[in-house]
Amino acid sequence: MYYFIGFLLSDCGLVDLMRKAEIQHPKLYLSAEKNDCGKIEGTYVSNRFGPLGELKEETIILDDIDVNPPIGNILIDLNKIELKKLDIFISRQEKVVSTYKYKGKTEQFRMVSDSLELLIELRSTFKNWFNEMECTI
């Protein structure tokens, strides 16, 4: 019986809908340019840190991006999307922090609080970037 229901759900595509989405940390895109293949290559910082505690810059090929708009517009659009992701991520972390505080789980509370502080700093970096680009969020 269970096999049949599992097969039916899988066959209808419902099992994929019920899976938990993999969390991807928001990225602040710093630059973008067209590479030799005509694709957009973006440089960003995320939650990866170097040995001195600085954010590490990473590069990614953005396959799904239209190459026709100006690079500045592409960066603004990408970062608006990533800022929304960051706000959702911060909201979730705030709920986790309050839960750990309520339950008295001090070690978990401290770890998630530290992570939350870094996310709030990243949000500030986003807002500074938008101000430098003279763009409203």
C-alpha atoms as a PDB file:
ATOM      1  CA  MET A   1       0.000   0.000   0.000  1.00  0.00           C
ATOM      2  CA  TYR A   2       2.736   2.466   0.987  1.00  0.00           C
ATOM      3  CA  TYR A   3       4.707   1.624  -2.145  1.00  0.00           C
ATOM      4  CA  PHE A   4       1.688   2.421  -4.303  1.00  0.00           C
ATOM      5  CA  ILE A   5       1.049   5.774  -2.591  1.00  0.00           C
ATOM      6  CA  GLY A   6       4.737   6.689  -2.824  1.00  0.00           C
ATOM      7  CA  PHE A   7       4.779   5.753  -6.498  1.00  0.00           C
ATOM      8  CA  LEU A   8       1.598   7.728  -7.145  1.00  0.00           C
ATOM      9  CA  LEU A   9       2.910  10.828  -5.360  1.00  0.00           C
ATOM     10  CA  SER A  10       6.255  10.552  -7.125  1.00  0.00           C
ATOM     11  CA  ASP A  11       4.598   9.992 -10.495  1.00  0.00           C
ATOM     12  CA  CYS A  12       2.431  13.102 -10.027  1.00  0.00           C
ATOM     13  CA  GLY A  13       5.404  15.194  -8.969  1.00  0.00           C
ATOM     14  CA  LEU A  14       4.053  15.862  -5.477  1.00  0.00           C
ATOM     15  CA  VAL A  15       7.021  14.327  -3.684  1.00  0.00           C
ATOM     16  CA  ASP A  16       9.352  16.948  -5.136  1.00  0.00           C
ATOM     17  CA  LEU A  17       7.010  19.696  -3.936  1.00  0.00           C
ATOM     18  CA  MET A  18       7.115  18.366  -0.386  1.00  0.00           C
ATOM     19  CA  ARG A  19      10.919  18.303  -0.080  1.00  0.00           C
ATOM     20  CA  LYS A  20      12.555  20.951   2.014  1.00  0.00           C
ATOM     21  CA  ALA A  21      14.291  23.588  -0.098  1.00  0.00           C
ATOM     22  CA  GLU A  22      18.046  23.800   0.244  1.00  0.00           C
ATOM     23  CA  ILE A  23      18.997  27.071   1.896  1.00  0.00           C
ATOM     24  CA  GLN A  24      21.418  29.157  -0.095  1.00  0.00           C
ATOM     25  CA  HIS A  25      23.100  32.053   1.620  1.00  0.00           C
ATOM     26  CA  PRO A  26      22.474  35.423  -0.011  1.00  0.00           C
ATOM     27  CA  LYS A  27      25.186  36.861  -2.227  1.00  0.00           C
ATOM     28  CA  LEU A  28      26.154  40.488  -2.642  1.00  0.00           C
ATOM     29  CA  TYR A  29      27.220  40.867  -6.259  1.00  0.00           C
ATOM     30  CA  LEU A  30      30.106  43.302  -6.526  1.00  0.00           C
ATOM     31  CA  SER A  31      30.726  43.203 -10.252  1.00  0.00           C
ATOM     32  CA  ALA A  32      29.664  41.481 -13.433  1.00  0.00           C
ATOM     33  CA  GLU A  33      31.093  41.305 -16.915  1.00  0.00           C
ATOM     34  CA  LYS A  34      30.615  39.394 -20.134  1.00  0.00           C
ATOM     35  CA  ASN A  35      33.183  36.657 -20.521  1.00  0.00           C
ATOM     36  CA  ASP A  36      34.682  35.286 -23.750  1.00  0.00           C
ATOM     37  CA  CYS A  37      31.746  32.882 -24.151  1.00  0.00           C
ATOM     38  CA  GLY A  38      29.235  35.748 -24.052  1.00  0.00           C
ATOM     39  CA  LYS A  39      27.905  34.799 -20.612  1.00  0.00           C
ATOM     40  CA  ILE A  40      27.741  36.992 -17.536  1.00  0.00           C
ATOM     41  CA  GLU A  41      30.394  36.270 -14.925  1.00  0.00           C
ATOM     42  CA  GLY A  42      29.608  37.698 -11.496  1.00  0.00           C
ATOM     43  CA  THR A  43      31.882  38.368  -8.538  1.00  0.00           C
ATOM     44  CA  TYR A  44      30.183  38.232  -5.148  1.00  0.00           C
ATOM     45  CA  VAL A  45      30.673  37.890  -1.412  1.00  0.00           C
ATOM     46  CA  SER A  46      28.560  35.602   0.714  1.00  0.00           C
ATOM     47  CA  ASN A  47      29.081  33.930   4.065  1.00  0.00           C
ATOM     48  CA  ARG A  48      32.557  32.593   3.338  1.00  0.00           C
ATOM     49  CA  PHE A  49      35.391  34.170   5.242  1.00  0.00           C
ATOM     50  CA  GLY A  50      39.133  34.354   4.681  1.00  0.00           C
ATOM     51  CA  PRO A  51      41.773  33.605   7.320  1.00  0.00           C
ATOM     52  CA  LEU A  52      41.632  37.169   8.658  1.00  0.00           C
ATOM     53  CA  GLY A  53      37.835  37.171   8.973  1.00  0.00           C
ATOM     54  CA  GLU A  54      37.210  39.141   5.781  1.00  0.00           C
ATOM     55  CA  LEU A  55      34.521  38.147   3.299  1.00  0.00           C
ATOM     56  CA  LYS A  56      35.994  36.101   0.452  1.00  0.00           C
ATOM     57  CA  GLU A  57      35.188  37.167  -3.084  1.00  0.00           C
ATOM     58  CA  GLU A  58      34.009  34.363  -5.354  1.00  0.00           C
ATOM     59  CA  THR A  59      33.127  34.188  -9.033  1.00  0.00           C
ATOM     60  CA  ILE A  60      30.211  32.437 -10.697  1.00  0.00           C
ATOM     61  CA  ILE A  61      28.894  32.091 -14.257  1.00  0.00           C
ATOM     62  CA  LEU A  62      25.298  33.347 -14.368  1.00  0.00           C
ATOM     63  CA  ASP A  63      23.779  31.127 -17.052  1.00  0.00           C
ATOM     64  CA  ASP A  64      20.179  32.305 -16.728  1.00  0.00           C
ATOM     65  CA  ILE A  65      20.906  36.009 -17.061  1.00  0.00           C
ATOM     66  CA  ASP A  66      19.990  38.008 -20.165  1.00  0.00           C
ATOM     67  CA  VAL A  67      23.214  39.560 -21.469  1.00  0.00           C
ATOM     68  CA  ASN A  68      21.508  42.452 -23.280  1.00  0.00           C
ATOM     69  CA  PRO A  69      20.757  44.933 -20.438  1.00  0.00           C
ATOM     70  CA  PRO A  70      23.556  47.158 -19.133  1.00  0.00           C
ATOM     71  CA  ILE A  71      25.772  45.508 -16.506  1.00  0.00           C
ATOM     72  CA  GLY A  72      24.733  48.083 -13.877  1.00  0.00           C
ATOM     73  CA  ASN A  73      21.086  47.121 -14.286  1.00  0.00           C
ATOM     74  CA  ILE A  74      21.953  43.430 -14.060  1.00  0.00           C
ATOM     75  CA  LEU A  75      23.835  44.018 -10.798  1.00  0.00           C
ATOM     76  CA  ILE A  76      20.998  46.052  -9.303  1.00  0.00           C
ATOM     77  CA  ASP A  77      18.399  43.418 -10.225  1.00  0.00           C
ATOM     78  CA  LEU A  78      20.546  40.577  -8.870  1.00  0.00           C
ATOM     79  CA  ASN A  79      21.211  42.386  -5.605  1.00  0.00           C
ATOM     80  CA  LYS A  80      17.546  43.290  -5.111  1.00  0.00           C
ATOM     81  CA  ILE A  81      16.715  39.586  -5.330  1.00  0.00           C
ATOM     82  CA  GLU A  82      19.545  38.684  -2.968  1.00  0.00           C
ATOM     83  CA  LEU A  83      18.501  41.375  -0.458  1.00  0.00           C
ATOM     84  CA  LYS A  84      15.022  39.839  -0.313  1.00  0.00           C
ATOM     85  CA  LYS A  85      16.615  36.447   0.347  1.00  0.00           C
ATOM     86  CA  LEU A  86      18.741  38.012   3.073  1.00  0.00           C
ATOM     87  CA  ASP A  87      15.728  39.601   4.759  1.00  0.00           C
ATOM     88  CA  ILE A  88      13.941  36.235   4.773  1.00  0.00           C
ATOM     89  CA  PHE A  89      17.058  34.550   6.141  1.00  0.00           C
ATOM     90  CA  ILE A  90      17.385  37.163   8.911  1.00  0.00           C
ATOM     91  CA  SER A  91      13.722  36.785   9.815  1.00  0.00           C
ATOM     92  CA  ARG A  92      14.132  33.017  10.165  1.00  0.00           C
ATOM     93  CA  GLN A  93      17.295  33.393  12.238  1.00  0.00           C
ATOM     94  CA  GLU A  94      15.528  35.853  14.563  1.00  0.00           C
ATOM     95  CA  LYS A  95      12.811  33.249  15.192  1.00  0.00           C
ATOM     96  CA  VAL A  96      15.443  30.594  15.911  1.00  0.00           C
ATOM     97  CA  VAL A  97      17.250  32.937  18.312  1.00  0.00           C
ATOM     98  CA  SER A  98      14.065  33.680  20.240  1.00  0.00           C
ATOM     99  CA  THR A  99      13.221  29.972  20.420  1.00  0.00           C
ATOM    100  CA  TYR A 100      16.667  29.093  21.768  1.00  0.00           C
ATOM    101  CA  LYS A 101      16.481  31.932  24.272  1.00  0.00           C
ATOM    102  CA  TYR A 102      13.015  30.825  25.437  1.00  0.00           C
ATOM    103  CA  LYS A 103      14.144  27.201  25.820  1.00  0.00           C
ATOM    104  CA  GLY A 104      17.333  28.201  27.646  1.00  0.00           C
ATOM    105  CA  LYS A 105      19.681  26.651  25.090  1.00  0.00           C
ATOM    106  CA  THR A 106      22.501  29.087  25.747  1.00  0.00           C
ATOM    107  CA  GLU A 107      25.168  27.579  23.491  1.00  0.00           C
ATOM    108  CA  GLN A 108      22.848  27.340  20.471  1.00  0.00           C
ATOM    109  CA  PHE A 109      21.495  30.812  21.298  1.00  0.00           C
ATOM    110  CA  ARG A 110      25.010  32.267  21.303  1.00  0.00           C
ATOM    111  CA  MET A 111      26.019  30.594  18.030  1.00  0.00           C
ATOM    112  CA  VAL A 112      22.893  31.627  16.122  1.00  0.00           C
ATOM    113  CA  SER A 113      23.030  35.135  17.625  1.00  0.00           C
ATOM    114  CA  ASP A 114      26.595  35.536  16.358  1.00  0.00           C
ATOM    115  CA  SER A 115      25.505  34.342  12.926  1.00  0.00           C
ATOM    116  CA  LEU A 116      22.569  36.748  13.017  1.00  0.00           C
ATOM    117  CA  GLU A 117      24.896  39.662  13.775  1.00  0.00           C
ATOM    118  CA  LEU A 118      26.947  38.808  10.682  1.00  0.00           C
ATOM    119  CA  LEU A 119      23.786  38.688   8.576  1.00  0.00           C
ATOM    120  CA  ILE A 120      22.717  42.092   9.879  1.00  0.00           C
ATOM    121  CA  GLU A 121      26.162  43.457   8.988  1.00  0.00           C
ATOM    122  CA  LEU A 122      25.730  41.988   5.502  1.00  0.00           C
ATOM    123  CA  ARG A 123      22.354  43.748   5.230  1.00  0.00           C
ATOM    124  CA  SER A 124      24.111  47.010   6.091  1.00  0.00           C
ATOM    125  CA  THR A 125      26.685  46.305   3.377  1.00  0.00           C
ATOM    126  CA  PHE A 126      23.828  45.741   0.911  1.00  0.00           C
ATOM    127  CA  LYS A 127      22.217  49.049   1.826  1.00  0.00           C
ATOM    128  CA  ASN A 128      25.545  50.864   1.467  1.00  0.00           C
ATOM    129  CA  TRP A 129      25.984  49.271  -1.961  1.00  0.00           C
ATOM    130  CA  PHE A 130      22.533  50.453  -3.066  1.00  0.00           C
ATOM    131  CA  ASN A 131      23.318  53.959  -1.795  1.00  0.00           C
ATOM    132  CA  GLU A 132      26.576  53.996  -3.776  1.00  0.00           C
ATOM    133  CA  MET A 133      24.678  52.893  -6.877  1.00  0.00           C
ATOM    134  CA  GLU A 134      22.158  55.687  -6.180  1.00  0.00           C
ATOM    135  CA  CYS A 135      19.373  53.156  -6.352  1.00  0.00           C
ATOM    136  CA  THR A 136      16.246  52.807  -4.244  1.00  0.00           C
ATOM    137  CA  ILE A 137      15.505  49.417  -2.803  1.00  0.00           C
END
